[in-house]
Amino acid sequence: METDVWGILGFVFGLIAFIRVQKLTSKLKEKGILEENYKED
């Protein structure tokens, strides 16, 4: 039971981090810091 909770927490934090990185990437593109054709590896 306890391992399920840690798995769910890990998934939620990972998802939040992914969304924040996507928002940051789009803001940097808007400001011209990143090129529009920037691709993440």
N, C-alpha and C. Protein backbone atom coordinates (compact mmCIF):
# COMPACT_ATOMS: atom_id res chain seq x y z
N MET A 1 0.84 -1.20 0.00
CA MET A 1 0.00 0.00 0.00
C MET A 1 0.87 1.26 0.00
N GLU A 2 1.90 1.26 0.85
CA GLU A 2 2.74 2.45 0.95
C GLU A 2 3.50 2.73 -0.35
N THR A 3 3.92 1.67 -1.02
CA THR A 3 4.66 1.87 -2.28
C THR A 3 3.75 2.47 -3.35
N ASP A 4 2.47 2.17 -3.32
CA ASP A 4 1.53 2.77 -4.27
C ASP A 4 1.46 4.28 -4.08
N VAL A 5 1.45 4.72 -2.83
CA VAL A 5 1.39 6.15 -2.53
C VAL A 5 2.63 6.85 -3.08
N TRP A 6 3.81 6.26 -2.88
CA TRP A 6 5.05 6.87 -3.38
C TRP A 6 5.06 6.91 -4.91
N GLY A 7 4.53 5.88 -5.53
CA GLY A 7 4.45 5.86 -6.98
C GLY A 7 3.55 6.96 -7.51
N ILE A 8 2.40 7.13 -6.87
CA ILE A 8 1.46 8.18 -7.28
C ILE A 8 2.07 9.56 -7.07
N LEU A 9 2.72 9.77 -5.91
CA LEU A 9 3.37 11.05 -5.64
C LEU A 9 4.46 11.35 -6.67
N GLY A 10 5.25 10.35 -7.00
CA GLY A 10 6.30 10.53 -7.99
C GLY A 10 5.74 10.91 -9.34
N PHE A 11 4.64 10.25 -9.72
CA PHE A 11 3.99 10.56 -10.99
C PHE A 11 3.47 11.99 -11.00
N VAL A 12 2.81 12.41 -9.93
CA VAL A 12 2.24 13.76 -9.86
C VAL A 12 3.35 14.81 -9.93
N PHE A 13 4.43 14.63 -9.15
CA PHE A 13 5.52 15.60 -9.17
C PHE A 13 6.19 15.63 -10.54
N GLY A 14 6.34 14.48 -11.16
CA GLY A 14 6.93 14.42 -12.50
C GLY A 14 6.07 15.15 -13.52
N LEU A 15 4.77 14.97 -13.41
CA LEU A 15 3.84 15.64 -14.33
C LEU A 15 3.90 17.15 -14.15
N ILE A 16 3.92 17.60 -12.90
CA ILE A 16 4.00 19.04 -12.62
C ILE A 16 5.29 19.61 -13.19
N ALA A 17 6.40 18.90 -12.99
CA ALA A 17 7.69 19.37 -13.50
C ALA A 17 7.66 19.45 -15.02
N PHE A 18 7.08 18.45 -15.67
CA PHE A 18 6.99 18.44 -17.13
C PHE A 18 6.20 19.65 -17.65
N ILE A 19 5.07 19.93 -17.01
CA ILE A 19 4.23 21.06 -17.42
C ILE A 19 4.98 22.37 -17.24
N ARG A 20 5.71 22.52 -16.13
CA ARG A 20 6.46 23.76 -15.88
C ARG A 20 7.55 23.96 -16.92
N VAL A 21 8.21 22.88 -17.31
CA VAL A 21 9.26 22.98 -18.33
C VAL A 21 8.65 23.40 -19.67
N GLN A 22 7.48 22.87 -19.99
CA GLN A 22 6.81 23.25 -21.25
C GLN A 22 6.44 24.73 -21.24
N LYS A 23 5.92 25.22 -20.11
CA LYS A 23 5.56 26.63 -20.01
C LYS A 23 6.80 27.51 -20.14
N LEU A 24 7.89 27.12 -19.48
CA LEU A 24 9.13 27.88 -19.55
C LEU A 24 9.65 27.94 -20.98
N THR A 25 9.63 26.80 -21.67
CA THR A 25 10.10 26.75 -23.05
C THR A 25 9.28 27.69 -23.93
N SER A 26 7.97 27.69 -23.77
CA SER A 26 7.14 28.56 -24.61
C SER A 26 7.39 30.04 -24.29
N LYS A 27 7.61 30.37 -23.02
CA LYS A 27 7.89 31.78 -22.67
C LYS A 27 9.23 32.22 -23.25
N LEU A 28 10.23 31.35 -23.20
CA LEU A 28 11.53 31.71 -23.75
C LEU A 28 11.46 31.88 -25.27
N LYS A 29 10.62 31.09 -25.92
CA LYS A 29 10.42 31.25 -27.36
C LYS A 29 9.75 32.59 -27.66
N GLU A 30 8.75 32.95 -26.86
CA GLU A 30 8.05 34.22 -27.05
C GLU A 30 8.99 35.40 -26.93
N LYS A 31 9.92 35.32 -25.96
CA LYS A 31 10.84 36.43 -25.72
C LYS A 31 12.02 36.43 -26.68
N GLY A 32 12.11 35.42 -27.53
CA GLY A 32 13.18 35.38 -28.51
C GLY A 32 14.49 34.83 -27.97
N ILE A 33 14.46 34.27 -26.78
CA ILE A 33 15.69 33.70 -26.20
C ILE A 33 15.96 32.34 -26.85
N LEU A 34 14.91 31.60 -27.09
CA LEU A 34 15.04 30.32 -27.82
C LEU A 34 14.50 30.52 -29.23
N GLU A 35 15.09 29.81 -30.18
CA GLU A 35 14.56 29.87 -31.54
C GLU A 35 13.22 29.13 -31.59
N GLU A 36 12.37 29.54 -32.52
CA GLU A 36 11.06 28.90 -32.67
C GLU A 36 11.17 27.43 -33.06
N ASN A 37 12.24 27.07 -33.74
CA ASN A 37 12.38 25.68 -34.19
C ASN A 37 13.18 24.83 -33.19
N TYR A 38 13.29 25.32 -31.94
CA TYR A 38 14.00 24.58 -30.89
C TYR A 38 13.32 23.25 -30.64
N LYS A 39 14.12 22.18 -30.60
CA LYS A 39 13.59 20.84 -30.29
C LYS A 39 14.29 20.31 -29.06
N GLU A 40 13.50 19.77 -28.15
CA GLU A 40 14.07 19.16 -26.96
C GLU A 40 14.58 17.78 -27.30
N ASP A 41 15.65 17.38 -26.64
CA ASP A 41 16.19 16.03 -26.86
C ASP A 41 15.45 15.00 -26.06
